[in-house]
N, C-alpha and C. Protein backbone atom coordinates (compact mmCIF):
# COMPACT_ATOMS: atom_id res chain seq x y z
N MET A 1 251.29 183.59 -4.37
CA MET A 1 252.00 182.51 -3.43
C MET A 1 250.70 181.80 -2.69
N ALA A 2 250.70 180.72 -3.16
CA ALA A 2 249.66 179.64 -2.70
C ALA A 2 249.64 179.43 -1.05
N VAL A 3 248.48 179.36 -0.62
CA VAL A 3 248.20 179.14 0.43
C VAL A 3 247.53 178.06 0.65
N HIS A 4 248.43 177.23 1.80
CA HIS A 4 247.73 175.85 2.17
C HIS A 4 247.28 175.56 3.31
N HIS A 5 246.05 175.43 3.83
CA HIS A 5 245.36 174.97 4.94
C HIS A 5 245.22 174.13 5.64
N MET A 6 245.91 173.42 6.66
CA MET A 6 246.10 171.78 6.75
C MET A 6 245.30 171.69 8.36
N VAL A 7 244.69 170.38 8.63
CA VAL A 7 243.65 170.45 9.46
C VAL A 7 244.15 169.04 9.81
N TRP A 8 244.31 168.39 10.93
CA TRP A 8 244.67 167.60 11.70
C TRP A 8 243.33 167.25 12.38
N ILE A 9 242.79 165.76 12.38
CA ILE A 9 241.49 165.96 13.14
C ILE A 9 241.95 164.50 13.98
N LYS A 10 241.10 164.39 14.84
CA LYS A 10 240.94 162.98 15.73
C LYS A 10 239.87 162.88 16.59
N PHE A 11 238.72 161.82 16.05
CA PHE A 11 237.72 161.88 16.33
C PHE A 11 237.45 161.55 17.56
N HIS A 12 236.23 162.07 18.29
CA HIS A 12 235.81 161.40 19.70
C HIS A 12 235.62 159.90 20.06
N GLU A 13 236.16 159.02 20.89
CA GLU A 13 235.83 158.21 21.32
C GLU A 13 234.28 157.97 21.37
N GLY A 14 233.50 156.96 20.49
CA GLY A 14 232.26 157.04 20.55
C GLY A 14 231.58 157.07 18.99
N VAL A 15 232.45 157.95 18.51
CA VAL A 15 232.20 158.37 17.23
C VAL A 15 231.70 157.17 15.85
N SER A 16 230.67 157.21 15.45
CA SER A 16 230.98 155.41 14.70
C SER A 16 231.42 155.57 13.35
N ASP A 17 232.15 154.66 12.69
CA ASP A 17 232.71 154.66 11.48
C ASP A 17 231.69 155.07 10.02
N GLN A 18 230.43 155.11 10.46
CA GLN A 18 229.70 155.81 9.18
C GLN A 18 229.77 157.04 9.23
N ARG A 19 229.86 157.44 10.65
CA ARG A 19 229.41 159.22 11.07
C ARG A 19 231.23 160.05 10.51
N ILE A 20 232.48 158.93 10.57
CA ILE A 20 233.27 159.36 10.31
C ILE A 20 233.54 159.62 8.88
N ALA A 21 232.83 158.37 7.88
CA ALA A 21 232.68 158.37 6.84
C ALA A 21 232.20 159.44 5.63
N GLU A 22 230.72 159.93 6.72
CA GLU A 22 230.06 160.77 6.23
C GLU A 22 231.16 162.45 6.49
N HIS A 23 231.78 162.40 7.18
CA HIS A 23 232.46 163.25 7.40
C HIS A 23 233.85 163.79 6.47
N ILE A 24 234.29 162.82 6.06
CA ILE A 24 235.66 162.27 5.36
C ILE A 24 234.58 162.63 3.58
N HIS A 25 233.48 162.15 3.40
CA HIS A 25 232.96 162.42 2.53
C HIS A 25 232.70 163.52 2.34
N ASN A 26 232.18 164.68 2.98
CA ASN A 26 231.85 166.14 2.84
C ASN A 26 232.89 166.65 3.07
N LEU A 27 234.42 166.73 3.50
CA LEU A 27 235.61 167.22 3.16
C LEU A 27 235.64 166.85 1.94
N ALA A 28 235.73 165.73 1.46
CA ALA A 28 236.60 165.36 0.07
C ALA A 28 235.53 166.51 -1.12
N THR A 29 234.38 166.48 -0.40
CA THR A 29 233.79 167.19 -1.75
C THR A 29 233.57 168.72 -1.72
N MET A 30 233.89 169.20 -0.62
CA MET A 30 233.82 170.78 -0.60
C MET A 30 234.52 171.66 -1.82
N ASP A 31 235.68 170.98 -2.49
CA ASP A 31 235.91 171.81 -3.76
C ASP A 31 234.95 172.00 -4.84
N GLU A 32 233.54 171.13 -4.70
CA GLU A 32 232.77 171.13 -6.02
C GLU A 32 231.80 172.39 -5.54
N GLN A 33 231.97 172.74 -4.47
CA GLN A 33 231.10 173.46 -3.92
C GLN A 33 231.54 174.84 -3.12
N ILE A 34 232.74 175.03 -3.14
CA ILE A 34 233.32 176.48 -2.71
C ILE A 34 234.42 176.62 -3.59
N PRO A 35 233.80 177.67 -4.51
CA PRO A 35 234.68 178.12 -5.52
C PRO A 35 236.49 178.76 -5.42
N ALA A 36 236.63 179.32 -3.93
CA ALA A 36 237.64 179.84 -3.45
C ALA A 36 239.09 178.39 -3.54
N ILE A 37 238.81 177.35 -3.12
CA ILE A 37 239.00 175.82 -3.18
C ILE A 37 240.05 175.61 -4.41
N MET A 38 241.53 175.83 -4.85
CA MET A 38 242.11 175.11 -6.22
C MET A 38 242.41 173.58 -5.95
N SER A 39 242.57 173.11 -4.72
CA SER A 39 242.93 172.03 -4.60
C SER A 39 242.44 171.28 -3.29
N SER A 40 242.34 170.21 -3.08
CA SER A 40 242.12 169.75 -1.96
C SER A 40 242.93 168.03 -1.54
N ALA A 41 242.59 167.54 -0.51
CA ALA A 41 242.79 166.28 -0.58
C ALA A 41 242.75 165.74 1.55
N VAL A 42 242.27 165.20 1.59
CA VAL A 42 241.63 164.35 2.67
C VAL A 42 241.59 162.92 2.85
N GLY A 43 242.36 162.59 3.94
CA GLY A 43 242.82 161.04 3.72
C GLY A 43 243.17 160.81 5.48
N GLU A 44 242.88 159.14 5.73
CA GLU A 44 243.31 158.61 7.05
C GLU A 44 244.62 158.51 7.48
N ASN A 45 244.85 158.85 8.39
CA ASN A 45 247.09 158.99 8.72
C ASN A 45 247.23 157.27 8.68
N PHE A 46 248.14 157.24 8.03
CA PHE A 46 248.82 155.84 8.23
C PHE A 46 250.00 155.53 9.11
N THR A 47 250.56 156.24 9.98
CA THR A 47 251.29 156.10 10.73
C THR A 47 251.19 156.49 12.13
N ASP A 48 252.20 156.33 12.94
CA ASP A 48 252.10 156.11 14.50
C ASP A 48 252.63 157.87 15.04
N ARG A 49 252.69 158.69 13.87
CA ARG A 49 253.54 159.68 14.14
C ARG A 49 252.53 161.07 14.71
N ALA A 50 251.29 160.84 14.12
CA ALA A 50 250.85 161.98 14.74
C ALA A 50 249.63 162.24 16.03
N LYS A 51 250.17 161.62 16.64
CA LYS A 51 249.98 161.95 18.41
C LYS A 51 248.38 161.76 18.49
N GLY A 52 247.71 160.47 17.81
CA GLY A 52 246.57 160.32 18.10
C GLY A 52 245.53 160.68 16.97
N PHE A 53 246.13 161.75 16.10
CA PHE A 53 245.35 162.31 15.22
C PHE A 53 244.84 161.37 14.07
N THR A 54 244.27 160.91 13.52
CA THR A 54 243.87 159.73 12.50
C THR A 54 243.47 160.17 11.00
N HIS A 55 243.32 161.58 10.85
CA HIS A 55 243.08 161.94 9.59
C HIS A 55 243.22 163.22 9.11
N GLY A 56 243.71 163.84 8.45
CA GLY A 56 243.74 165.07 7.79
C GLY A 56 243.48 165.59 6.41
N LEU A 57 243.22 166.94 6.47
CA LEU A 57 242.92 167.66 4.98
C LEU A 57 243.97 168.62 4.90
N ILE A 58 244.21 169.14 3.38
CA ILE A 58 245.01 169.91 2.75
C ILE A 58 243.64 170.62 2.03
N VAL A 59 243.54 171.95 2.08
CA VAL A 59 243.23 172.69 1.42
C VAL A 59 243.87 173.90 0.83
N THR A 60 244.15 174.06 -0.33
CA THR A 60 245.35 174.81 -1.16
C THR A 60 243.95 175.93 -2.02
N VAL A 61 244.28 177.48 -1.26
CA VAL A 61 243.42 178.53 -2.37
C VAL A 61 245.05 179.47 -2.63
N GLU A 62 244.63 180.37 -3.70
CA GLU A 62 245.35 180.99 -4.16
C GLU A 62 245.97 182.04 -3.65
N THR A 63 245.66 182.94 -2.50
CA THR A 63 245.90 183.78 -1.92
C THR A 63 245.38 183.69 -0.29
N ARG A 64 246.34 184.58 0.17
CA ARG A 64 245.75 185.10 1.72
C ARG A 64 244.35 185.44 2.10
N ASP A 65 243.83 186.31 0.94
CA ASP A 65 242.40 186.69 0.97
C ASP A 65 241.37 185.60 0.65
N ASP A 66 241.97 184.54 0.00
CA ASP A 66 240.84 183.52 -0.15
C ASP A 66 240.96 183.13 0.78
N LEU A 67 241.39 182.73 1.50
CA LEU A 67 241.52 181.78 3.10
C LEU A 67 240.14 182.43 3.83
N PRO A 68 239.68 183.92 3.94
CA PRO A 68 238.44 183.57 4.87
C PRO A 68 237.38 183.57 3.65
N ARG A 69 237.58 183.54 2.41
CA ARG A 69 236.35 183.56 1.26
C ARG A 69 235.86 181.79 1.67
N TYR A 70 236.71 181.22 1.61
CA TYR A 70 236.94 179.28 2.28
C TYR A 70 236.18 179.09 3.64
N LEU A 71 236.91 179.75 4.71
CA LEU A 71 236.35 179.49 5.75
C LEU A 71 235.01 179.96 6.19
N GLN A 72 234.57 180.96 5.94
CA GLN A 72 233.37 181.50 6.27
C GLN A 72 232.52 181.31 4.90
N HIS A 73 232.86 180.65 3.88
CA HIS A 73 231.82 180.04 3.04
C HIS A 73 230.63 179.28 3.74
N PRO A 74 229.14 179.61 3.35
CA PRO A 74 228.10 178.49 3.99
C PRO A 74 228.78 177.27 4.36
N HIS A 75 229.21 176.79 2.84
CA HIS A 75 229.11 175.56 2.74
C HIS A 75 230.01 174.83 3.65
N HIS A 76 231.21 175.39 3.63
CA HIS A 76 232.40 175.08 4.61
C HIS A 76 232.00 175.39 6.46
N VAL A 77 231.48 176.30 6.74
CA VAL A 77 230.39 176.19 7.58
C VAL A 77 229.58 175.16 7.92
N GLN A 78 228.60 174.49 7.18
CA GLN A 78 227.87 173.87 7.41
C GLN A 78 228.70 172.46 7.36
N ILE A 79 229.79 172.36 7.20
CA ILE A 79 230.56 170.67 7.19
C ILE A 79 231.23 171.14 8.47
N ALA A 80 231.71 172.40 8.80
CA ALA A 80 232.95 172.60 10.34
C ALA A 80 231.85 172.00 11.19
N THR A 81 231.03 172.84 11.48
CA THR A 81 230.36 172.96 12.48
C THR A 81 230.06 171.33 13.11
N PRO A 82 229.42 170.18 12.88
CA PRO A 82 229.28 169.03 13.05
C PRO A 82 230.45 168.56 12.88
N LEU A 83 231.91 168.88 12.26
CA LEU A 83 233.01 168.04 12.45
C LEU A 83 233.61 168.38 13.94
N ARG A 84 233.37 169.69 14.13
CA ARG A 84 233.91 170.12 15.34
C ARG A 84 233.33 169.65 16.65
N GLU A 85 232.24 169.26 16.28
CA GLU A 85 231.48 168.40 17.46
C GLU A 85 231.84 167.05 17.98
N ASP A 86 232.47 166.12 16.68
CA ASP A 86 232.77 164.66 16.49
C ASP A 86 234.13 165.15 16.88
N ALA A 87 235.05 165.78 16.66
CA ALA A 87 236.42 165.76 16.68
C ALA A 87 237.42 166.98 17.50
N GLU A 88 238.33 166.34 17.61
CA GLU A 88 239.36 167.80 17.85
C GLU A 88 239.92 167.92 16.81
N LEU A 89 240.44 169.48 16.56
CA LEU A 89 241.11 169.78 15.38
C LEU A 89 242.21 170.47 15.86
N MET A 90 243.27 170.49 14.89
CA MET A 90 244.18 171.49 15.06
C MET A 90 244.20 172.04 13.72
N ALA A 91 244.80 173.32 13.61
CA ALA A 91 244.76 173.48 12.04
C ALA A 91 246.05 174.54 11.69
N MET A 92 246.71 175.02 10.68
CA MET A 92 247.62 175.70 10.52
C MET A 92 247.56 176.09 8.82
N ASP A 93 247.98 177.02 8.82
CA ASP A 93 248.08 178.15 7.35
C ASP A 93 249.44 178.49 6.90
N ILE A 94 249.60 177.65 5.69
CA ILE A 94 251.16 178.51 5.57
C ILE A 94 250.78 178.49 4.01
N GLU A 95 252.44 179.30 3.56
CA GLU A 95 252.16 180.06 2.18
C GLU A 95 253.77 179.51 1.27
N ASN A 96 253.34 179.22 0.50
CA ASN A 96 254.64 178.65 -1.01
C ASN A 96 254.62 179.12 -1.88
């Protein structure tokens, strides 16, 4: 069963468009550096249904055992740490 890691992102007021673009670029290129990732997608929300969350990320890994390999990978930590400083995040993990 594949595991899908979903993240909702709401950037804090005052975070520049350039900084947001840097975060999105970093998220979009994680799969080039983290072997556990099978696929990923990141983008801007285009509806008003997300309670102010402006961007989303979906990362798919093969098994539950791969999720900590992804989350603890140094490249993920390097990307996620400044993102947490600039945004509110919500995450959920599901299997199918």
